[in-house]
C-alpha cells in the first residue's frame, strides 16, 4: 500500500456491496421462459452479474452487444429488472458492519457504479445501508463510465477529498483500472461476482480481500 493517508473509501455496488445477482438473473431468465426456453439456474448467471445487461443477456441468449437485436433485448431486460430489482437483492454479509466501522473511524464513504441512475437512485434510496453514503455516482452521472477515472474523480469532488487519499474497492478488473487511473489505492473484492476466468493477480490491485471486514486490516496498515 502507498503511504498516502486514507480519508475516504469508495465502493463498486453490485458484487461489492450488494448481491443483486438473484434479481438480475431472474429478469434475464424470465425473458428466456417467455420465449419457450428452459429456465437456467442462478449459478449460471451469478458469475456474470457484474456485467449487467451484457452479462445477463450473454448467459440467457448467447448474444453480444454487437448483435443487431441487442438494444431491443437490453431495454426489455431493463424493464423486467426495474420491476423486481429489490425482490431478492441483499447487502453482502459484513458490509453493514464495515460501513459502521468506517464511520466510527471518521472516514467518509461512497459508491461509484456503472449501473445507470435509473436503477441506482431508487435502489440506494430503498436500502438503509446507503443513508450514510456521502457520494453515489452512477454510470451515467458523468460523460464516462469505468474504467475511465472520471466517475471516481467526481465522487472525490463530492466528498471533498483528494483522489490520492481515497481507496476504491471493486470486484471487477475495470474497477481496479479506474481506481489506478484516478490515483487511488485499489482493493479487489474477491467475494463478489468474479467469473471463473478472473485472474485477480494480473489486475495489479494494491490488495485483495476475501470478505468485507478484511478491509479494516488494510486501513490500519495504510
C-alpha atoms as a PDB file:
ATOM      1  CA  UNK A   1       0.000   0.000   0.000  1.00  0.00           C
ATOM      2  CA  UNK A   2       1.176   3.553  -0.683  1.00  0.00           C
ATOM      3  CA  UNK A   3       1.866   5.834   2.282  1.00  0.00           C
ATOM      4  CA  UNK A   4      -0.869   8.387   1.435  1.00  0.00           C
ATOM      5  CA  UNK A   5      -3.361   8.788   4.293  1.00  0.00           C
ATOM      6  CA  UNK A   6      -6.795   7.268   3.569  1.00  0.00           C
ATOM      7  CA  UNK A   7      -9.633   9.693   4.300  1.00  0.00           C
ATOM      8  CA  UNK A   8     -12.449   8.063   2.291  1.00  0.00           C
ATOM      9  CA  UNK A   9     -13.408   4.681   0.894  1.00  0.00           C
ATOM     10  CA  UNK A  10     -15.354   4.296  -2.343  1.00  0.00           C
ATOM     11  CA  UNK A  11     -17.026   1.072  -3.408  1.00  0.00           C
ATOM     12  CA  UNK A  12     -18.416  -0.507  -6.515  1.00  0.00           C
ATOM     13  CA  UNK A  13     -22.070  -1.515  -5.980  1.00  0.00           C
ATOM     14  CA  UNK A  14     -23.104  -4.856  -7.492  1.00  0.00           C
ATOM     15  CA  UNK A  15     -20.863  -7.683  -6.329  1.00  0.00           C
ATOM     16  CA  UNK A  16     -19.063  -5.492  -3.806  1.00  0.00           C
ATOM     17  CA  UNK A  17     -21.711  -4.001  -1.502  1.00  0.00           C
ATOM     18  CA  UNK A  18     -24.877  -5.774  -2.632  1.00  0.00           C
ATOM     19  CA  UNK A  19     -25.742  -9.182  -4.033  1.00  0.00           C
ATOM     20  CA  UNK A  20     -28.126  -8.297  -6.862  1.00  0.00           C
ATOM     21  CA  UNK A  21     -27.474 -11.466  -8.869  1.00  0.00           C
ATOM     22  CA  UNK A  22     -30.802 -13.116  -7.934  1.00  0.00           C
ATOM     23  CA  UNK A  23     -32.835 -10.231  -9.368  1.00  0.00           C
ATOM     24  CA  UNK A  24     -30.590  -9.660 -12.373  1.00  0.00           C
ATOM     25  CA  UNK A  25     -30.623 -13.352 -13.222  1.00  0.00           C
ATOM     26  CA  UNK A  26     -34.369 -13.657 -12.694  1.00  0.00           C
ATOM     27  CA  UNK A  27     -35.054 -10.797 -15.103  1.00  0.00           C
ATOM     28  CA  UNK A  28     -32.997 -12.423 -17.844  1.00  0.00           C
ATOM     29  CA  UNK A  29     -34.400 -15.866 -17.108  1.00  0.00           C
ATOM     30  CA  UNK A  30     -37.944 -14.550 -17.392  1.00  0.00           C
ATOM     31  CA  UNK A  31     -37.077 -13.437 -20.906  1.00  0.00           C
ATOM     32  CA  UNK A  32     -35.965 -16.984 -21.678  1.00  0.00           C
ATOM     33  CA  UNK A  33     -39.061 -18.693 -20.312  1.00  0.00           C
ATOM     34  CA  UNK A  34     -41.377 -16.242 -22.053  1.00  0.00           C
ATOM     35  CA  UNK A  35     -39.772 -17.382 -25.308  1.00  0.00           C
ATOM     36  CA  UNK A  36     -40.341 -21.032 -24.516  1.00  0.00           C
ATOM     37  CA  UNK A  37     -36.753 -21.708 -23.478  1.00  0.00           C
ATOM     38  CA  UNK A  38     -35.958 -23.712 -20.332  1.00  0.00           C
ATOM     39  CA  UNK A  39     -35.078 -21.864 -17.155  1.00  0.00           C
ATOM     40  CA  UNK A  40     -31.385 -21.677 -16.182  1.00  0.00           C
ATOM     41  CA  UNK A  41     -30.142 -21.930 -12.578  1.00  0.00           C
ATOM     42  CA  UNK A  42     -28.895 -18.828 -10.779  1.00  0.00           C
ATOM     43  CA  UNK A  43     -25.425 -20.399 -10.706  1.00  0.00           C
ATOM     44  CA  UNK A  44     -25.203 -19.809 -14.455  1.00  0.00           C
ATOM     45  CA  UNK A  45     -25.991 -16.105 -14.128  1.00  0.00           C
ATOM     46  CA  UNK A  46     -24.109 -15.236 -10.933  1.00  0.00           C
ATOM     47  CA  UNK A  47     -20.521 -15.076 -12.333  1.00  0.00           C
ATOM     48  CA  UNK A  48     -21.659 -12.553 -14.957  1.00  0.00           C
ATOM     49  CA  UNK A  49     -23.879 -10.407 -12.727  1.00  0.00           C
ATOM     50  CA  UNK A  50     -21.249  -7.677 -12.523  1.00  0.00           C
ATOM     51  CA  UNK A  51     -21.508  -7.162 -16.283  1.00  0.00           C
ATOM     52  CA  UNK A  52     -25.164  -6.102 -16.073  1.00  0.00           C
ATOM     53  CA  UNK A  53     -27.328  -6.462 -19.169  1.00  0.00           C
ATOM     54  CA  UNK A  54     -24.381  -7.506 -21.298  1.00  0.00           C
ATOM     55  CA  UNK A  55     -23.587 -10.377 -18.953  1.00  0.00           C
ATOM     56  CA  UNK A  56     -27.153 -11.463 -18.281  1.00  0.00           C
ATOM     57  CA  UNK A  57     -28.195 -11.483 -21.932  1.00  0.00           C
ATOM     58  CA  UNK A  58     -24.986 -13.255 -22.843  1.00  0.00           C
ATOM     59  CA  UNK A  59     -25.867 -16.078 -20.460  1.00  0.00           C
ATOM     60  CA  UNK A  60     -29.548 -16.175 -21.370  1.00  0.00           C
ATOM     61  CA  UNK A  61     -29.206 -15.987 -25.151  1.00  0.00           C
ATOM     62  CA  UNK A  62     -25.531 -16.250 -26.042  1.00  0.00           C
ATOM     63  CA  UNK A  63     -25.750 -12.753 -27.518  1.00  0.00           C
ATOM     64  CA  UNK A  64     -23.176  -9.960 -27.596  1.00  0.00           C
ATOM     65  CA  UNK A  65     -23.682  -6.170 -27.715  1.00  0.00           C
ATOM     66  CA  UNK A  66     -22.656  -6.207 -31.371  1.00  0.00           C
ATOM     67  CA  UNK A  67     -25.769  -8.169 -32.382  1.00  0.00           C
ATOM     68  CA  UNK A  68     -28.405  -6.006 -34.140  1.00  0.00           C
ATOM     69  CA  UNK A  69     -31.147  -7.222 -31.792  1.00  0.00           C
ATOM     70  CA  UNK A  70     -29.155  -6.453 -28.634  1.00  0.00           C
ATOM     71  CA  UNK A  71     -30.507  -2.909 -27.967  1.00  0.00           C
ATOM     72  CA  UNK A  72     -34.125  -4.089 -28.033  1.00  0.00           C
ATOM     73  CA  UNK A  73     -33.370  -7.069 -25.789  1.00  0.00           C
ATOM     74  CA  UNK A  74     -31.417  -4.824 -23.428  1.00  0.00           C
ATOM     75  CA  UNK A  75     -34.354  -2.470 -22.966  1.00  0.00           C
ATOM     76  CA  UNK A  76     -36.677  -5.413 -22.361  1.00  0.00           C
ATOM     77  CA  UNK A  77     -34.224  -6.670 -19.758  1.00  0.00           C
ATOM     78  CA  UNK A  78     -34.068  -3.231 -18.126  1.00  0.00           C
ATOM     79  CA  UNK A  79     -37.854  -3.060 -17.809  1.00  0.00           C
ATOM     80  CA  UNK A  80     -38.042  -6.525 -16.255  1.00  0.00           C
ATOM     81  CA  UNK A  81     -35.168  -5.841 -13.874  1.00  0.00           C
ATOM     82  CA  UNK A  82     -36.614  -2.455 -12.896  1.00  0.00           C
ATOM     83  CA  UNK A  83     -39.852  -4.133 -11.831  1.00  0.00           C
ATOM     84  CA  UNK A  84     -38.117  -6.568  -9.475  1.00  0.00           C
ATOM     85  CA  UNK A  85     -34.727  -5.146  -8.537  1.00  0.00           C
ATOM     86  CA  UNK A  86     -35.474  -5.213  -4.790  1.00  0.00           C
ATOM     87  CA  UNK A  87     -37.189  -8.599  -4.601  1.00  0.00           C
ATOM     88  CA  UNK A  88     -34.155 -10.649  -3.571  1.00  0.00           C
ATOM     89  CA  UNK A  89     -31.243  -8.188  -3.576  1.00  0.00           C
ATOM     90  CA  UNK A  90     -29.391  -8.050  -0.261  1.00  0.00           C
ATOM     91  CA  UNK A  91     -26.349  -6.453   1.297  1.00  0.00           C
ATOM     92  CA  UNK A  92     -23.408  -8.857   1.486  1.00  0.00           C
ATOM     93  CA  UNK A  93     -22.676 -10.262   4.933  1.00  0.00           C
ATOM     94  CA  UNK A  94     -20.263  -7.991   6.758  1.00  0.00           C
ATOM     95  CA  UNK A  95     -20.884  -4.878   4.653  1.00  0.00           C
ATOM     96  CA  UNK A  96     -23.162  -3.101   7.154  1.00  0.00           C
ATOM     97  CA  UNK A  97     -20.632  -3.764   9.920  1.00  0.00           C
ATOM     98  CA  UNK A  98     -17.836  -2.471   7.706  1.00  0.00           C
ATOM     99  CA  UNK A  99     -19.687   0.754   6.966  1.00  0.00           C
ATOM    100  CA  UNK A 100     -20.345   1.329  10.671  1.00  0.00           C
ATOM    101  CA  UNK A 101     -16.656   0.762  11.398  1.00  0.00           C
ATOM    102  CA  UNK A 102     -15.650   3.265   8.710  1.00  0.00           C
ATOM    103  CA  UNK A 103     -17.984   5.871  10.166  1.00  0.00           C
ATOM    104  CA  UNK A 104     -16.710   5.204  13.679  1.00  0.00           C
ATOM    105  CA  UNK A 105     -13.184   5.784  12.397  1.00  0.00           C
ATOM    106  CA  UNK A 106     -14.205   9.139  10.926  1.00  0.00           C
ATOM    107  CA  UNK A 107     -13.885   8.014   7.312  1.00  0.00           C
ATOM    108  CA  UNK A 108     -16.300   9.113   4.605  1.00  0.00           C
ATOM    109  CA  UNK A 109     -17.617   6.546   2.153  1.00  0.00           C
ATOM    110  CA  UNK A 110     -19.433   6.455  -1.152  1.00  0.00           C
ATOM    111  CA  UNK A 111     -20.379   4.443  -4.205  1.00  0.00           C
ATOM    112  CA  UNK A 112     -19.134   4.530  -7.792  1.00  0.00           C
ATOM    113  CA  UNK A 113     -21.016   2.130 -10.054  1.00  0.00           C
ATOM    114  CA  UNK A 114     -21.573   1.624 -13.764  1.00  0.00           C
ATOM    115  CA  UNK A 115     -25.258   0.982 -13.025  1.00  0.00           C
ATOM    116  CA  UNK A 116     -27.310   3.819 -14.515  1.00  0.00           C
ATOM    117  CA  UNK A 117     -29.132   6.321 -12.304  1.00  0.00           C
ATOM    118  CA  UNK A 118     -32.406   4.777 -13.493  1.00  0.00           C
ATOM    119  CA  UNK A 119     -31.620   1.864 -11.180  1.00  0.00           C
ATOM    120  CA  UNK A 120     -29.046   3.228  -8.736  1.00  0.00           C
ATOM    121  CA  UNK A 121     -31.215   6.020  -7.351  1.00  0.00           C
ATOM    122  CA  UNK A 122     -34.313   4.004  -6.377  1.00  0.00           C
ATOM    123  CA  UNK A 123     -32.247   1.055  -5.213  1.00  0.00           C
ATOM    124  CA  UNK A 124     -29.974   3.022  -2.881  1.00  0.00           C
ATOM    125  CA  UNK A 125     -32.883   5.114  -1.569  1.00  0.00           C
ATOM    126  CA  UNK A 126     -34.722   1.918  -0.631  1.00  0.00           C
ATOM    127  CA  UNK A 127     -31.838   0.330   1.281  1.00  0.00           C
ATOM    128  CA  UNK A 128     -30.939   1.687   4.723  1.00  0.00           C
ATOM    129  CA  UNK A 129     -27.228   0.986   4.204  1.00  0.00           C
ATOM    130  CA  UNK A 130     -26.838   3.950   1.850  1.00  0.00           C
ATOM    131  CA  UNK A 131     -28.291   6.622   4.122  1.00  0.00           C
ATOM    132  CA  UNK A 132     -24.788   7.467   5.333  1.00  0.00           C
ATOM    133  CA  UNK A 133     -23.113   7.400   1.898  1.00  0.00           C
ATOM    134  CA  UNK A 134     -21.723  10.843   1.141  1.00  0.00           C
ATOM    135  CA  UNK A 135     -21.474  10.303  -2.628  1.00  0.00           C
ATOM    136  CA  UNK A 136     -23.268   7.997  -5.060  1.00  0.00           C
ATOM    137  CA  UNK A 137     -22.021   8.205  -8.639  1.00  0.00           C
ATOM    138  CA  UNK A 138     -23.717   6.155 -11.354  1.00  0.00           C
ATOM    139  CA  UNK A 139     -22.538   5.022 -14.763  1.00  0.00           C
ATOM    140  CA  UNK A 140     -24.294   7.942 -16.459  1.00  0.00           C
ATOM    141  CA  UNK A 141     -23.632  10.618 -13.830  1.00  0.00           C
ATOM    142  CA  UNK A 142     -20.574  11.781 -15.792  1.00  0.00           C
ATOM    143  CA  UNK A 143     -19.887  11.547 -19.538  1.00  0.00           C
ATOM    144  CA  UNK A 144     -17.721   8.481 -18.899  1.00  0.00           C
ATOM    145  CA  UNK A 145     -18.159   5.142 -17.119  1.00  0.00           C
ATOM    146  CA  UNK A 146     -15.499   2.909 -15.591  1.00  0.00           C
ATOM    147  CA  UNK A 147     -12.776   2.021 -16.443  1.00  0.00           C
ATOM    148  CA  UNK A 148     -12.487   5.760 -17.143  1.00  0.00           C
ATOM    149  CA  UNK A 149     -11.418   7.535 -13.935  1.00  0.00           C
ATOM    150  CA  UNK A 150     -13.872  10.452 -14.229  1.00  0.00           C
ATOM    151  CA  UNK A 151     -16.627   8.845 -12.094  1.00  0.00           C
ATOM    152  CA  UNK A 152     -14.077   8.351  -9.326  1.00  0.00           C
ATOM    153  CA  UNK A 153     -12.862  11.925  -9.657  1.00  0.00           C
ATOM    154  CA  UNK A 154     -16.490  13.086  -9.391  1.00  0.00           C
ATOM    155  CA  UNK A 155     -17.004  11.066  -6.205  1.00  0.00           C
ATOM    156  CA  UNK A 156     -13.817  12.502  -4.699  1.00  0.00           C
ATOM    157  CA  UNK A 157     -15.002  16.025  -5.542  1.00  0.00           C
ATOM    158  CA  UNK A 158     -18.331  15.388  -3.829  1.00  0.00           C
ATOM    159  CA  UNK A 159     -16.537  14.119  -0.738  1.00  0.00           C
ATOM    160  CA  UNK A 160     -14.058  16.986  -0.771  1.00  0.00           C
ATOM    161  CA  UNK A 161     -11.188  14.512  -0.577  1.00  0.00           C
ATOM    162  CA  UNK A 162      -8.157  14.357  -2.863  1.00  0.00           C
ATOM    163  CA  UNK A 163      -8.116  11.173  -5.002  1.00  0.00           C
ATOM    164  CA  UNK A 164      -4.761  10.201  -3.512  1.00  0.00           C
ATOM    165  CA  UNK A 165      -6.465   9.981  -0.123  1.00  0.00           C
ATOM    166  CA  UNK A 166      -9.251   7.704  -1.395  1.00  0.00           C
ATOM    167  CA  UNK A 167      -9.410   3.934  -1.566  1.00  0.00           C
ATOM    168  CA  UNK A 168     -11.543   2.193  -4.204  1.00  0.00           C
ATOM    169  CA  UNK A 169     -12.914  -1.321  -3.686  1.00  0.00           C
ATOM    170  CA  UNK A 170     -14.433  -3.381  -6.502  1.00  0.00           C
ATOM    171  CA  UNK A 171     -14.920  -6.894  -7.818  1.00  0.00           C
ATOM    172  CA  UNK A 172     -14.144  -6.324 -11.498  1.00  0.00           C
ATOM    173  CA  UNK A 173     -10.944  -5.530 -13.371  1.00  0.00           C
ATOM    174  CA  UNK A 174     -12.443  -2.296 -14.696  1.00  0.00           C
ATOM    175  CA  UNK A 175     -12.824  -1.134 -11.076  1.00  0.00           C
ATOM    176  CA  UNK A 176      -9.119  -1.584 -10.489  1.00  0.00           C
ATOM    177  CA  UNK A 177      -8.243   0.057 -13.789  1.00  0.00           C
ATOM    178  CA  UNK A 178     -10.410   3.068 -12.942  1.00  0.00           C
ATOM    179  CA  UNK A 179      -9.014   3.343  -9.435  1.00  0.00           C
ATOM    180  CA  UNK A 180      -5.433   3.176 -10.602  1.00  0.00           C
ATOM    181  CA  UNK A 181      -6.094   5.755 -13.327  1.00  0.00           C
ATOM    182  CA  UNK A 182      -7.576   8.061 -10.671  1.00  0.00           C
ATOM    183  CA  UNK A 183      -4.505   7.669  -8.464  1.00  0.00           C
ATOM    184  CA  UNK A 184      -6.424   5.904  -5.689  1.00  0.00           C
ATOM    185  CA  UNK A 185      -5.476   2.856  -3.663  1.00  0.00           C
ATOM    186  CA  UNK A 186      -7.262  -0.134  -5.158  1.00  0.00           C
ATOM    187  CA  UNK A 187      -8.659  -3.238  -3.477  1.00  0.00           C
ATOM    188  CA  UNK A 188     -10.106  -6.265  -5.292  1.00  0.00           C
ATOM    189  CA  UNK A 189     -13.144  -7.768  -3.563  1.00  0.00           C
ATOM    190  CA  UNK A 190     -12.780 -11.460  -4.342  1.00  0.00           C
ATOM    191  CA  UNK A 191     -16.054 -12.413  -2.633  1.00  0.00           C
ATOM    192  CA  UNK A 192     -18.062 -10.745  -5.428  1.00  0.00           C
ATOM    193  CA  UNK A 193     -19.030 -11.875  -8.915  1.00  0.00           C
ATOM    194  CA  UNK A 194     -15.663 -12.770 -10.334  1.00  0.00           C
ATOM    195  CA  UNK A 195     -16.044 -15.293 -13.106  1.00  0.00           C
ATOM    196  CA  UNK A 196     -14.045 -18.482 -13.156  1.00  0.00           C
ATOM    197  CA  UNK A 197     -11.582 -16.954 -15.595  1.00  0.00           C
ATOM    198  CA  UNK A 198     -10.776 -13.930 -13.429  1.00  0.00           C
ATOM    199  CA  UNK A 199      -7.051 -13.566 -12.811  1.00  0.00           C
ATOM    200  CA  UNK A 200      -7.037 -11.146  -9.919  1.00  0.00           C
ATOM    201  CA  UNK A 201      -3.272 -11.160  -9.532  1.00  0.00           C
ATOM    202  CA  UNK A 202      -2.954  -9.660 -13.012  1.00  0.00           C
ATOM    203  CA  UNK A 203      -5.191  -6.712 -12.180  1.00  0.00           C
ATOM    204  CA  UNK A 204      -2.352  -5.122 -10.201  1.00  0.00           C
ATOM    205  CA  UNK A 205      -4.588  -4.013  -7.328  1.00  0.00           C
ATOM    206  CA  UNK A 206      -2.844  -2.788  -4.202  1.00  0.00           C
ATOM    207  CA  UNK A 207      -4.547  -5.529  -2.199  1.00  0.00           C
ATOM    208  CA  UNK A 208      -7.347  -8.111  -2.268  1.00  0.00           C
ATOM    209  CA  UNK A 209      -9.938  -9.052   0.352  1.00  0.00           C
ATOM    210  CA  UNK A 210     -11.957 -12.269   0.668  1.00  0.00           C
ATOM    211  CA  UNK A 211     -14.577 -10.693   2.951  1.00  0.00           C
ATOM    212  CA  UNK A 212     -15.738  -7.098   3.572  1.00  0.00           C
ATOM    213  CA  UNK A 213     -14.350  -6.814   7.109  1.00  0.00           C
ATOM    214  CA  UNK A 214     -10.825  -7.638   5.900  1.00  0.00           C
ATOM    215  CA  UNK A 215     -10.752  -4.083   4.587  1.00  0.00           C
ATOM    216  CA  UNK A 216     -10.327  -2.804   8.130  1.00  0.00           C
ATOM    217  CA  UNK A 217      -6.969  -4.563   8.410  1.00  0.00           C
ATOM    218  CA  UNK A 218      -5.793  -2.827   5.243  1.00  0.00           C
ATOM    219  CA  UNK A 219      -6.891   0.533   6.552  1.00  0.00           C
ATOM    220  CA  UNK A 220      -4.905   0.029   9.724  1.00  0.00           C
ATOM    221  CA  UNK A 221      -1.847  -0.675   7.583  1.00  0.00           C
ATOM    222  CA  UNK A 222      -2.424   2.349   5.339  1.00  0.00           C
END
